[in-house]
Amino acid sequence: MPLSLDPAYAKAVAPAIAAVASKPKSAVHDVEARRVGITGLYESIFETFPDVPSVERTVHQFRSYDGGMISIQRYAKKDTASTAPGPAIVHAHGGGMFQGSVDLYRKVFPFQVEQSNIQIFSVDYRLAPEHPHPTPLEDCYAGLLWLHEHADEFAVDRSRIAVQGESAGGNLAAGMALLARDRGLSPPLAKQVLIYPMLDDNNTVPNPALEPFATWTYDDNMTGWTAFLGQDVVGTDKVSPYAAPARATNLEGLPPTYIDVGELDIFRDEDIAFAGRIAAANISLELHVYPGLPHVFEIYAPQCEPSLRAIANRLRFLADL
């Protein structure tokens, strides 16, 4: 049978898909058009999310690897009675490496904090192409080190820190896990949560079965990778495994891993392959491939049943932090 959208999801997203289809397509490598179009679409969706008054946001500053000042936003429950050290997540947002910000997700994080009771620290890393690799990753890793340094201030147990990211943020989360292992972060990361991660710069040949459903297209993907790495570097042996974690030859020593991806996502095959290699390295793994769902499915239809199921699975994986 041919691939098709999940019926509940298709019904929920019909108006949004029609609106997207009516807009002109951006040319490959056109970063600015995508910054306006895709970011604007996400802003309009996230603005419909309800407020969570029990969670507060604070903004902090730290110095990155090159001296640049970077913001990190903390989301935590208000008036928490306990001061005992607890778990935390260092988060990297999505956006193909060239768009998005922590502010864009300001109405998303409170829900996760409310449901999980785990603090989130999201790094407002600098974007490509103005700041190509390694800057976005090093900004995120510097944020992780900053949290280690300030763990006592925020009642964070250093042995219970996870990294999390979606799409390009999943790439950066995986990159942070590799850096933490190779640079000897102590204590090591507790978990990595990779949500439909963008892992492989070699994913440039369109799959005709997936193209009709692509909410993140092959042109978008090429735009992201070339902004991040440079047009003369993508697909060559010059690409670092920290930039494209699918290229890492050794995955041993990484933390327990969660990966999910939609069946209709152009990242499906690279994510499944990476999960297989995580398992082969004898690392605890939870993998979900959701039938009939494309990229960022839960953003387009947060209240449909498959989206709620995926969100519940992510929260459950994090629960034993």
C-alpha atoms as a PDB file:
ATOM      1  CA  MET A   1       0.000   0.000   0.000  1.00  0.00           C
ATOM      2  CA  PRO A   2       1.229   3.546  -0.695  1.00  0.00           C
ATOM      3  CA  LEU A   3       2.163   5.771   2.209  1.00  0.00           C
ATOM      4  CA  SER A   4      -0.531   8.092   3.485  1.00  0.00           C
ATOM      5  CA  LEU A   5      -1.231  10.538   6.288  1.00  0.00           C
ATOM      6  CA  ASP A   6      -2.683   9.302   9.556  1.00  0.00           C
ATOM      7  CA  PRO A   7      -6.433  10.033   9.217  1.00  0.00           C
ATOM      8  CA  ALA A   8      -6.749  11.879  12.550  1.00  0.00           C
ATOM      9  CA  TYR A   9      -3.694  13.960  11.753  1.00  0.00           C
ATOM     10  CA  ALA A  10      -4.845  14.690   8.188  1.00  0.00           C
ATOM     11  CA  LYS A  11      -8.161  16.025   9.464  1.00  0.00           C
ATOM     12  CA  ALA A  12      -6.508  18.192  12.118  1.00  0.00           C
ATOM     13  CA  VAL A  13      -3.939  19.775   9.795  1.00  0.00           C
ATOM     14  CA  ALA A  14      -6.070  20.271   6.675  1.00  0.00           C
ATOM     15  CA  PRO A  15      -6.428  24.077   7.121  1.00  0.00           C
ATOM     16  CA  ALA A  16      -2.714  24.571   7.889  1.00  0.00           C
ATOM     17  CA  ILE A  17      -1.605  22.409   4.966  1.00  0.00           C
ATOM     18  CA  ALA A  18      -3.879  24.334   2.612  1.00  0.00           C
ATOM     19  CA  ALA A  19      -2.417  27.623   3.833  1.00  0.00           C
ATOM     20  CA  VAL A  20       1.151  26.387   3.342  1.00  0.00           C
ATOM     21  CA  ALA A  21       0.385  24.990  -0.113  1.00  0.00           C
ATOM     22  CA  SER A  22      -0.989  28.345  -1.239  1.00  0.00           C
ATOM     23  CA  LYS A  23       2.285  30.156  -0.556  1.00  0.00           C
ATOM     24  CA  PRO A  24       5.115  30.323  -3.124  1.00  0.00           C
ATOM     25  CA  LYS A  25       8.006  27.955  -2.549  1.00  0.00           C
ATOM     26  CA  SER A  26      11.358  29.400  -1.516  1.00  0.00           C
ATOM     27  CA  ALA A  27      14.345  28.694  -3.734  1.00  0.00           C
ATOM     28  CA  VAL A  28      17.023  26.374  -2.406  1.00  0.00           C
ATOM     29  CA  HIS A  29      19.640  28.319  -0.366  1.00  0.00           C
ATOM     30  CA  ASP A  30      17.202  31.200   0.192  1.00  0.00           C
ATOM     31  CA  VAL A  31      17.696  31.543   3.943  1.00  0.00           C
ATOM     32  CA  GLU A  32      15.941  34.873   4.392  1.00  0.00           C
ATOM     33  CA  ALA A  33      12.697  33.780   2.727  1.00  0.00           C
ATOM     34  CA  ARG A  34      12.551  30.748   4.984  1.00  0.00           C
ATOM     35  CA  ARG A  35      13.264  32.824   8.072  1.00  0.00           C
ATOM     36  CA  VAL A  36      10.179  34.854   7.250  1.00  0.00           C
ATOM     37  CA  GLY A  37       7.911  32.082   6.000  1.00  0.00           C
ATOM     38  CA  ILE A  38       8.611  29.089   8.249  1.00  0.00           C
ATOM     39  CA  THR A  39       9.311  31.053  11.427  1.00  0.00           C
ATOM     40  CA  GLY A  40       6.185  33.132  10.849  1.00  0.00           C
ATOM     41  CA  LEU A  41       4.105  29.981  10.474  1.00  0.00           C
ATOM     42  CA  TYR A  42       5.437  28.517  13.733  1.00  0.00           C
ATOM     43  CA  GLU A  43       4.839  31.800  15.555  1.00  0.00           C
ATOM     44  CA  SER A  44       1.184  31.786  14.491  1.00  0.00           C
ATOM     45  CA  ILE A  45       0.782  28.187  15.687  1.00  0.00           C
ATOM     46  CA  PHE A  46       2.572  28.624  19.019  1.00  0.00           C
ATOM     47  CA  GLU A  47       0.566  31.732  19.845  1.00  0.00           C
ATOM     48  CA  THR A  48      -2.517  29.516  20.130  1.00  0.00           C
ATOM     49  CA  PHE A  49      -0.926  27.502  22.961  1.00  0.00           C
ATOM     50  CA  PRO A  50      -2.381  28.272  26.399  1.00  0.00           C
ATOM     51  CA  ASP A  51      -0.329  29.970  29.104  1.00  0.00           C
ATOM     52  CA  VAL A  52       0.979  27.889  32.014  1.00  0.00           C
ATOM     53  CA  PRO A  53       1.030  30.284  34.994  1.00  0.00           C
ATOM     54  CA  SER A  54       2.786  27.791  37.285  1.00  0.00           C
ATOM     55  CA  VAL A  55       5.997  27.945  35.212  1.00  0.00           C
ATOM     56  CA  GLU A  56       8.296  30.948  35.090  1.00  0.00           C
ATOM     57  CA  ARG A  57      10.950  31.965  32.592  1.00  0.00           C
ATOM     58  CA  THR A  58      14.221  33.657  33.480  1.00  0.00           C
ATOM     59  CA  VAL A  59      16.968  34.717  31.094  1.00  0.00           C
ATOM     60  CA  HIS A  60      20.669  34.333  31.874  1.00  0.00           C
ATOM     61  CA  GLN A  61      23.909  35.085  30.028  1.00  0.00           C
ATOM     62  CA  PHE A  62      27.094  33.097  29.586  1.00  0.00           C
ATOM     63  CA  ARG A  63      30.256  33.386  27.530  1.00  0.00           C
ATOM     64  CA  SER A  64      30.734  30.905  24.672  1.00  0.00           C
ATOM     65  CA  TYR A  65      33.908  29.298  23.388  1.00  0.00           C
ATOM     66  CA  ASP A  66      34.951  32.363  21.354  1.00  0.00           C
ATOM     67  CA  GLY A  67      34.016  34.963  23.944  1.00  0.00           C
ATOM     68  CA  GLY A  68      30.582  35.706  22.500  1.00  0.00           C
ATOM     69  CA  MET A  69      27.781  36.372  24.997  1.00  0.00           C
ATOM     70  CA  ILE A  70      24.900  33.916  24.656  1.00  0.00           C
ATOM     71  CA  SER A  71      21.478  33.841  26.309  1.00  0.00           C
ATOM     72  CA  ILE A  72      20.021  30.774  27.959  1.00  0.00           C
ATOM     73  CA  GLN A  73      16.419  30.672  29.123  1.00  0.00           C
ATOM     74  CA  ARG A  74      15.429  28.734  32.217  1.00  0.00           C
ATOM     75  CA  TYR A  75      11.903  27.350  32.561  1.00  0.00           C
ATOM     76  CA  ALA A  76      11.024  26.082  36.025  1.00  0.00           C
ATOM     77  CA  LYS A  77       8.022  25.719  38.300  1.00  0.00           C
ATOM     78  CA  LYS A  78       7.368  28.671  40.586  1.00  0.00           C
ATOM     79  CA  ASP A  79       7.586  28.441  44.352  1.00  0.00           C
ATOM     80  CA  THR A  80       9.014  24.943  44.463  1.00  0.00           C
ATOM     81  CA  ALA A  81       9.246  23.974  48.109  1.00  0.00           C
ATOM     82  CA  SER A  82      12.049  21.450  47.744  1.00  0.00           C
ATOM     83  CA  THR A  83      15.647  22.669  47.413  1.00  0.00           C
ATOM     84  CA  ALA A  84      17.062  19.183  46.923  1.00  0.00           C
ATOM     85  CA  PRO A  85      19.020  18.889  43.657  1.00  0.00           C
ATOM     86  CA  GLY A  86      16.884  17.541  40.841  1.00  0.00           C
ATOM     87  CA  PRO A  87      17.052  16.808  37.115  1.00  0.00           C
ATOM     88  CA  ALA A  88      17.401  19.294  34.266  1.00  0.00           C
ATOM     89  CA  ILE A  89      17.386  19.402  30.480  1.00  0.00           C
ATOM     90  CA  VAL A  90      19.722  21.410  28.268  1.00  0.00           C
ATOM     91  CA  HIS A  91      17.716  22.096  25.141  1.00  0.00           C
ATOM     92  CA  ALA A  92      18.564  23.159  21.580  1.00  0.00           C
ATOM     93  CA  HIS A  93      15.714  24.453  19.411  1.00  0.00           C
ATOM     94  CA  GLY A  94      14.990  23.409  15.835  1.00  0.00           C
ATOM     95  CA  GLY A  95      15.048  25.496  12.679  1.00  0.00           C
ATOM     96  CA  GLY A  96      17.405  23.898  10.198  1.00  0.00           C
ATOM     97  CA  MET A  97      20.425  25.651  11.807  1.00  0.00           C
ATOM     98  CA  PHE A  98      19.492  28.988  10.213  1.00  0.00           C
ATOM     99  CA  GLN A  99      16.241  30.097  11.846  1.00  0.00           C
ATOM    100  CA  GLY A 100      14.261  30.063  15.054  1.00  0.00           C
ATOM    101  CA  SER A 101      15.035  31.184  18.583  1.00  0.00           C
ATOM    102  CA  VAL A 102      14.299  30.223  22.165  1.00  0.00           C
ATOM    103  CA  ASP A 103      11.663  32.973  22.290  1.00  0.00           C
ATOM    104  CA  LEU A 104       9.764  31.193  19.533  1.00  0.00           C
ATOM    105  CA  TYR A 105       9.221  28.236  21.908  1.00  0.00           C
ATOM    106  CA  ARG A 106       8.338  30.294  24.984  1.00  0.00           C
ATOM    107  CA  LYS A 107       4.808  28.840  25.136  1.00  0.00           C
ATOM    108  CA  VAL A 108       5.960  25.274  24.455  1.00  0.00           C
ATOM    109  CA  PHE A 109       8.485  24.710  27.261  1.00  0.00           C
ATOM    110  CA  PRO A 110       6.110  25.530  30.158  1.00  0.00           C
ATOM    111  CA  PHE A 111       3.857  22.621  29.205  1.00  0.00           C
ATOM    112  CA  GLN A 112       6.753  20.153  29.341  1.00  0.00           C
ATOM    113  CA  VAL A 113       7.988  21.550  32.647  1.00  0.00           C
ATOM    114  CA  GLU A 114       4.491  21.396  34.140  1.00  0.00           C
ATOM    115  CA  GLN A 115       4.032  17.780  33.029  1.00  0.00           C
ATOM    116  CA  SER A 116       7.542  16.512  33.839  1.00  0.00           C
ATOM    117  CA  ASN A 117       8.598  18.690  36.780  1.00  0.00           C
ATOM    118  CA  ILE A 118      12.029  18.926  35.119  1.00  0.00           C
ATOM    119  CA  GLN A 119      13.698  22.296  34.581  1.00  0.00           C
ATOM    120  CA  ILE A 120      14.590  23.235  30.986  1.00  0.00           C
ATOM    121  CA  PHE A 121      17.551  25.413  30.052  1.00  0.00           C
ATOM    122  CA  SER A 122      17.295  26.326  26.352  1.00  0.00           C
ATOM    123  CA  VAL A 123      20.312  27.834  24.605  1.00  0.00           C
ATOM    124  CA  ASP A 124      19.760  30.725  22.193  1.00  0.00           C
ATOM    125  CA  TYR A 125      22.664  29.622  20.015  1.00  0.00           C
ATOM    126  CA  ARG A 126      23.910  31.721  17.108  1.00  0.00           C
ATOM    127  CA  LEU A 127      22.561  30.787  13.688  1.00  0.00           C
ATOM    128  CA  ALA A 128      24.146  29.849  10.374  1.00  0.00           C
ATOM    129  CA  PRO A 129      25.112  31.020   7.797  1.00  0.00           C
ATOM    130  CA  GLU A 130      26.328  34.045   9.769  1.00  0.00           C
ATOM    131  CA  HIS A 131      27.725  31.610  12.351  1.00  0.00           C
ATOM    132  CA  PRO A 132      28.447  28.239  10.703  1.00  0.00           C
ATOM    133  CA  HIS A 133      29.751  25.077  12.364  1.00  0.00           C
ATOM    134  CA  PRO A 134      31.146  24.785  14.992  1.00  0.00           C
ATOM    135  CA  THR A 135      29.526  27.880  16.527  1.00  0.00           C
ATOM    136  CA  PRO A 136      25.929  26.609  17.052  1.00  0.00           C
ATOM    137  CA  LEU A 137      27.205  23.397  18.647  1.00  0.00           C
ATOM    138  CA  GLU A 138      29.898  25.081  20.728  1.00  0.00           C
ATOM    139  CA  ASP A 139      27.341  27.620  21.959  1.00  0.00           C
ATOM    140  CA  CYS A 140      25.120  24.761  23.122  1.00  0.00           C
ATOM    141  CA  TYR A 141      27.993  22.890  24.733  1.00  0.00           C
ATOM    142  CA  ALA A 142      29.097  26.066  26.503  1.00  0.00           C
ATOM    143  CA  GLY A 143      25.536  26.316  27.832  1.00  0.00           C
ATOM    144  CA  LEU A 144      25.847  22.772  29.173  1.00  0.00           C
ATOM    145  CA  LEU A 145      29.114  23.680  30.922  1.00  0.00           C
ATOM    146  CA  TRP A 146      27.502  26.848  32.301  1.00  0.00           C
ATOM    147  CA  LEU A 147      24.734  24.763  33.852  1.00  0.00           C
ATOM    148  CA  HIS A 148      27.337  22.441  35.402  1.00  0.00           C
ATOM    149  CA  GLU A 149      29.036  25.491  36.925  1.00  0.00           C
ATOM    150  CA  HIS A 150      25.746  26.943  38.235  1.00  0.00           C
ATOM    151  CA  ALA A 151      24.036  23.675  39.163  1.00  0.00           C
ATOM    152  CA  ASP A 152      23.945  24.438  42.884  1.00  0.00           C
ATOM    153  CA  GLU A 153      22.344  27.843  42.247  1.00  0.00           C
ATOM    154  CA  PHE A 154      19.458  26.211  40.366  1.00  0.00           C
ATOM    155  CA  ALA A 155      19.191  23.052  42.497  1.00  0.00           C
ATOM    156  CA  VAL A 156      20.324  20.824  39.644  1.00  0.00           C
ATOM    157  CA  ASP A 157      21.887  17.414  40.173  1.00  0.00           C
ATOM    158  CA  ARG A 158      24.826  17.281  37.742  1.00  0.00           C
ATOM    159  CA  SER A 159      24.408  13.514  37.359  1.00  0.00           C
ATOM    160  CA  ARG A 160      20.787  13.946  36.171  1.00  0.00           C
ATOM    161  CA  ILE A 161      21.209  16.283  33.201  1.00  0.00           C
ATOM    162  CA  ALA A 162      19.797  15.315  29.790  1.00  0.00           C
ATOM    163  CA  VAL A 163      20.181  16.985  26.416  1.00  0.00           C
ATOM    164  CA  GLN A 164      17.146  17.391  24.173  1.00  0.00           C
ATOM    165  CA  GLY A 165      16.424  18.894  20.781  1.00  0.00           C
ATOM    166  CA  GLU A 166      14.095  18.634  17.814  1.00  0.00           C
ATOM    167  CA  SER A 167      15.149  18.580  14.151  1.00  0.00           C
ATOM    168  CA  ALA A 168      18.319  20.707  13.898  1.00  0.00           C
ATOM    169  CA  GLY A 169      18.182  20.878  17.685  1.00  0.00           C
ATOM    170  CA  GLY A 170      18.290  17.078  17.691  1.00  0.00           C
ATOM    171  CA  ASN A 171      21.519  17.328  15.716  1.00  0.00           C
ATOM    172  CA  LEU A 172      22.929  19.739  18.314  1.00  0.00           C
ATOM    173  CA  ALA A 173      21.775  17.546  21.202  1.00  0.00           C
ATOM    174  CA  ALA A 174      23.496  14.537  19.612  1.00  0.00           C
ATOM    175  CA  GLY A 175      26.579  16.684  19.016  1.00  0.00           C
ATOM    176  CA  MET A 176      26.595  17.772  22.658  1.00  0.00           C
ATOM    177  CA  ALA A 177      26.451  14.122  23.722  1.00  0.00           C
ATOM    178  CA  LEU A 178      29.435  13.293  21.511  1.00  0.00           C
ATOM    179  CA  LEU A 179      31.404  16.273  22.822  1.00  0.00           C
ATOM    180  CA  ALA A 180      30.509  15.462  26.433  1.00  0.00           C
ATOM    181  CA  ARG A 181      31.822  11.928  25.960  1.00  0.00           C
ATOM    182  CA  ASP A 182      34.971  12.925  24.108  1.00  0.00           C
ATOM    183  CA  ARG A 183      35.822  15.878  26.361  1.00  0.00           C
ATOM    184  CA  GLY A 184      35.246  13.858  29.519  1.00  0.00           C
ATOM    185  CA  LEU A 185      32.300  15.731  31.016  1.00  0.00           C
ATOM    186  CA  SER A 186      31.923  14.559  34.610  1.00  0.00           C
ATOM    187  CA  PRO A 187      29.487  13.387  35.688  1.00  0.00           C
ATOM    188  CA  PRO A 188      28.433  12.259  32.213  1.00  0.00           C
ATOM    189  CA  LEU A 189      25.109  13.075  30.613  1.00  0.00           C
ATOM    190  CA  ALA A 190      22.178  11.042  31.900  1.00  0.00           C
ATOM    191  CA  LYS A 191      20.140  10.869  28.657  1.00  0.00           C
ATOM    192  CA  GLN A 192      19.803  12.261  25.149  1.00  0.00           C
ATOM    193  CA  VAL A 193      16.387  12.944  23.617  1.00  0.00           C
ATOM    194  CA  LEU A 194      16.538  13.313  19.842  1.00  0.00           C
ATOM    195  CA  ILE A 195      13.216  14.331  18.334  1.00  0.00           C
ATOM    196  CA  TYR A 196      13.122  13.730  14.551  1.00  0.00           C
ATOM    197  CA  PRO A 197      16.806  14.776  14.472  1.00  0.00           C
ATOM    198  CA  MET A 198      18.627  16.185  11.432  1.00  0.00           C
ATOM    199  CA  LEU A 199      21.727  13.977  11.479  1.00  0.00           C
ATOM    200  CA  ASP A 200      23.056  13.282   7.972  1.00  0.00           C
ATOM    201  CA  ASP A 201      24.298  15.867   5.462  1.00  0.00           C
ATOM    202  CA  ASN A 202      24.256  13.146   2.780  1.00  0.00           C
ATOM    203  CA  ASN A 203      20.442  13.085   2.783  1.00  0.00           C
ATOM    204  CA  THR A 204      20.120  15.137  -0.400  1.00  0.00           C
ATOM    205  CA  VAL A 205      18.457  12.786  -2.924  1.00  0.00           C
ATOM    206  CA  PRO A 206      14.645  13.109  -2.739  1.00  0.00           C
ATOM    207  CA  ASN A 207      12.601  10.040  -1.913  1.00  0.00           C
ATOM    208  CA  PRO A 208       9.569  10.279  -4.258  1.00  0.00           C
ATOM    209  CA  ALA A 209       7.369   8.441  -1.752  1.00  0.00           C
ATOM    210  CA  LEU A 210       8.065  11.021   0.977  1.00  0.00           C
ATOM    211  CA  GLU A 211       8.196  14.247  -1.044  1.00  0.00           C
ATOM    212  CA  PRO A 212       4.404  14.788  -1.222  1.00  0.00           C
ATOM    213  CA  PHE A 213       4.199  14.816   2.591  1.00  0.00           C
ATOM    214  CA  ALA A 214       7.334  16.822   3.378  1.00  0.00           C
ATOM    215  CA  THR A 215       6.687  19.684   5.800  1.00  0.00           C
ATOM    216  CA  TRP A 216      10.489  20.036   5.846  1.00  0.00           C
ATOM    217  CA  THR A 217      11.494  19.561   2.223  1.00  0.00           C
ATOM    218  CA  TYR A 218      14.681  18.405   0.553  1.00  0.00           C
ATOM    219  CA  ASP A 219      15.251  22.003  -0.595  1.00  0.00           C
ATOM    220  CA  ASP A 220      14.850  23.166   3.008  1.00  0.00           C
ATOM    221  CA  ASN A 221      17.263  20.467   4.109  1.00  0.00           C
ATOM    222  CA  MET A 222      19.910  21.392   1.548  1.00  0.00           C
ATOM    223  CA  THR A 223      19.505  25.031   2.527  1.00  0.00           C
ATOM    224  CA  GLY A 224      20.103  24.146   6.164  1.00  0.00           C
ATOM    225  CA  TRP A 225      23.126  21.953   5.607  1.00  0.00           C
ATOM    226  CA  THR A 226      24.838  24.365   3.228  1.00  0.00           C
ATOM    227  CA  ALA A 227      24.190  27.286   5.588  1.00  0.00           C
ATOM    228  CA  PHE A 228      25.686  25.245   8.432  1.00  0.00           C
ATOM    229  CA  LEU A 229      28.653  23.689   6.622  1.00  0.00           C
ATOM    230  CA  GLY A 230      29.184  25.593   3.363  1.00  0.00           C
ATOM    231  CA  GLN A 231      28.175  24.525  -0.134  1.00  0.00           C
ATOM    232  CA  ASP A 232      31.622  23.122  -0.914  1.00  0.00           C
ATOM    233  CA  VAL A 233      31.691  20.993   2.258  1.00  0.00           C
ATOM    234  CA  VAL A 234      28.290  19.229   2.338  1.00  0.00           C
ATOM    235  CA  GLY A 235      28.622  15.594   1.364  1.00  0.00           C
ATOM    236  CA  THR A 236      32.426  15.581   1.425  1.00  0.00           C
ATOM    237  CA  ASP A 237      34.963  13.990   3.753  1.00  0.00           C
ATOM    238  CA  LYS A 238      35.513  17.421   5.313  1.00  0.00           C
ATOM    239  CA  VAL A 239      32.363  17.101   7.435  1.00  0.00           C
ATOM    240  CA  SER A 240      32.977  16.590  11.145  1.00  0.00           C
ATOM    241  CA  PRO A 241      30.961  13.918  12.996  1.00  0.00           C
ATOM    242  CA  TYR A 242      30.181  16.603  15.578  1.00  0.00           C
ATOM    243  CA  ALA A 243      28.451  18.567  12.792  1.00  0.00           C
ATOM    244  CA  ALA A 244      26.685  15.537  11.283  1.00  0.00           C
ATOM    245  CA  PRO A 245      26.404  12.884  14.020  1.00  0.00           C
ATOM    246  CA  ALA A 246      25.392  10.221  11.480  1.00  0.00           C
ATOM    247  CA  ARG A 247      29.055  10.298  10.454  1.00  0.00           C
ATOM    248  CA  ALA A 248      30.351   9.356  13.903  1.00  0.00           C
ATOM    249  CA  THR A 249      32.205   6.053  13.645  1.00  0.00           C
ATOM    250  CA  ASN A 250      32.089   5.251  17.362  1.00  0.00           C
ATOM    251  CA  LEU A 251      28.875   5.619  19.353  1.00  0.00           C
ATOM    252  CA  GLU A 252      30.026   3.703  22.419  1.00  0.00           C
ATOM    253  CA  GLY A 253      29.830   5.532  25.712  1.00  0.00           C
ATOM    254  CA  LEU A 254      26.855   7.716  24.781  1.00  0.00           C
ATOM    255  CA  PRO A 255      23.971   8.069  27.251  1.00  0.00           C
ATOM    256  CA  PRO A 256      20.640   6.224  27.071  1.00  0.00           C
ATOM    257  CA  THR A 257      18.915   7.504  23.952  1.00  0.00           C
ATOM    258  CA  TYR A 258      15.389   8.327  22.855  1.00  0.00           C
ATOM    259  CA  ILE A 259      14.642   8.905  19.151  1.00  0.00           C
ATOM    260  CA  ASP A 260      11.308   9.486  17.491  1.00  0.00           C
ATOM    261  CA  VAL A 261      10.405  10.332  13.913  1.00  0.00           C
ATOM    262  CA  GLY A 262       7.379  10.286  11.651  1.00  0.00           C
ATOM    263  CA  GLU A 263       7.085   7.656   8.944  1.00  0.00           C
ATOM    264  CA  LEU A 264       6.634  10.442   6.359  1.00  0.00           C
ATOM    265  CA  ASP A 265       9.581  12.559   7.575  1.00  0.00           C
ATOM    266  CA  ILE A 266      12.531  12.897   5.191  1.00  0.00           C
ATOM    267  CA  PHE A 267      14.751  12.210   8.250  1.00  0.00           C
ATOM    268  CA  ARG A 268      13.111   8.806   8.794  1.00  0.00           C
ATOM    269  CA  ASP A 269      15.817   6.593   7.314  1.00  0.00           C
ATOM    270  CA  GLU A 270      18.801   8.460   8.795  1.00  0.00           C
ATOM    271  CA  ASP A 271      17.160   8.418  12.235  1.00  0.00           C
ATOM    272  CA  ILE A 272      16.377   4.704  12.089  1.00  0.00           C
ATOM    273  CA  ALA A 273      19.938   3.995  10.927  1.00  0.00           C
ATOM    274  CA  PHE A 274      21.401   6.048  13.775  1.00  0.00           C
ATOM    275  CA  ALA A 275      19.143   4.281  16.265  1.00  0.00           C
ATOM    276  CA  GLY A 276      20.336   0.927  14.933  1.00  0.00           C
ATOM    277  CA  ARG A 277      23.938   1.928  15.515  1.00  0.00           C
ATOM    278  CA  ILE A 278      23.104   3.141  19.032  1.00  0.00           C
ATOM    279  CA  ALA A 279      21.603  -0.278  19.758  1.00  0.00           C
ATOM    280  CA  ALA A 280      24.598  -2.045  18.194  1.00  0.00           C
ATOM    281  CA  ALA A 281      26.826  -0.122  20.613  1.00  0.00           C
ATOM    282  CA  ASN A 282      24.771  -1.682  23.443  1.00  0.00           C
ATOM    283  CA  ILE A 283      23.353   1.631  24.594  1.00  0.00           C
ATOM    284  CA  SER A 284      19.851   1.649  26.027  1.00  0.00           C
ATOM    285  CA  LEU A 285      17.560   2.851  23.246  1.00  0.00           C
ATOM    286  CA  GLU A 286      13.921   3.797  22.804  1.00  0.00           C
ATOM    287  CA  LEU A 287      12.878   4.327  19.180  1.00  0.00           C
ATOM    288  CA  HIS A 288       9.445   5.329  17.879  1.00  0.00           C
ATOM    289  CA  VAL A 289       8.489   5.576  14.210  1.00  0.00           C
ATOM    290  CA  TYR A 290       4.991   7.025  13.967  1.00  0.00           C
ATOM    291  CA  PRO A 291       2.951   5.796  10.972  1.00  0.00           C
ATOM    292  CA  GLY A 292       1.396   8.440   8.758  1.00  0.00           C
ATOM    293  CA  LEU A 293       3.137  11.450  10.322  1.00  0.00           C
ATOM    294  CA  PRO A 294       5.535  13.979   8.723  1.00  0.00           C
ATOM    295  CA  HIS A 295       8.184  16.273  10.201  1.00  0.00           C
ATOM    296  CA  VAL A 296       7.169  18.446  13.199  1.00  0.00           C
ATOM    297  CA  PHE A 297       3.808  16.687  13.282  1.00  0.00           C
ATOM    298  CA  GLU A 298       3.006  17.692  16.864  1.00  0.00           C
ATOM    299  CA  ILE A 299       3.572  21.381  16.080  1.00  0.00           C
ATOM    300  CA  TYR A 300       1.005  21.364  13.287  1.00  0.00           C
ATOM    301  CA  ALA A 301      -1.548  19.313  15.238  1.00  0.00           C
ATOM    302  CA  PRO A 302      -0.668  19.265  18.956  1.00  0.00           C
ATOM    303  CA  GLN A 303      -4.042  17.951  20.110  1.00  0.00           C
ATOM    304  CA  CYS A 304      -4.546  15.054  17.712  1.00  0.00           C
ATOM    305  CA  GLU A 305      -4.177  11.554  19.164  1.00  0.00           C
ATOM    306  CA  PRO A 306      -0.842  10.561  17.563  1.00  0.00           C
ATOM    307  CA  SER A 307       0.759  13.837  18.678  1.00  0.00           C
ATOM    308  CA  LEU A 308      -0.473  13.387  22.237  1.00  0.00           C
ATOM    309  CA  ARG A 309       0.888   9.828  22.205  1.00  0.00           C
ATOM    310  CA  ALA A 310       4.310  10.993  21.031  1.00  0.00           C
ATOM    311  CA  ILE A 311       4.480  13.738  23.659  1.00  0.00           C
ATOM    312  CA  ALA A 312       3.494  11.237  26.365  1.00  0.00           C
ATOM    313  CA  ASN A 313       6.244   8.856  25.239  1.00  0.00           C
ATOM    314  CA  ARG A 314       8.872  11.606  25.463  1.00  0.00           C
ATOM    315  CA  LEU A 315       7.738  12.601  28.941  1.00  0.00           C
ATOM    316  CA  ARG A 316       7.754   9.006  30.082  1.00  0.00           C
ATOM    317  CA  PHE A 317      11.326   8.500  28.896  1.00  0.00           C
ATOM    318  CA  LEU A 318      12.416  11.549  30.891  1.00  0.00           C
ATOM    319  CA  ALA A 319      10.399  10.638  33.983  1.00  0.00           C
ATOM    320  CA  ASP A 320      13.103   8.558  35.698  1.00  0.00           C
ATOM    321  CA  LEU A 321      15.652  11.370  35.535  1.00  0.00           C
END
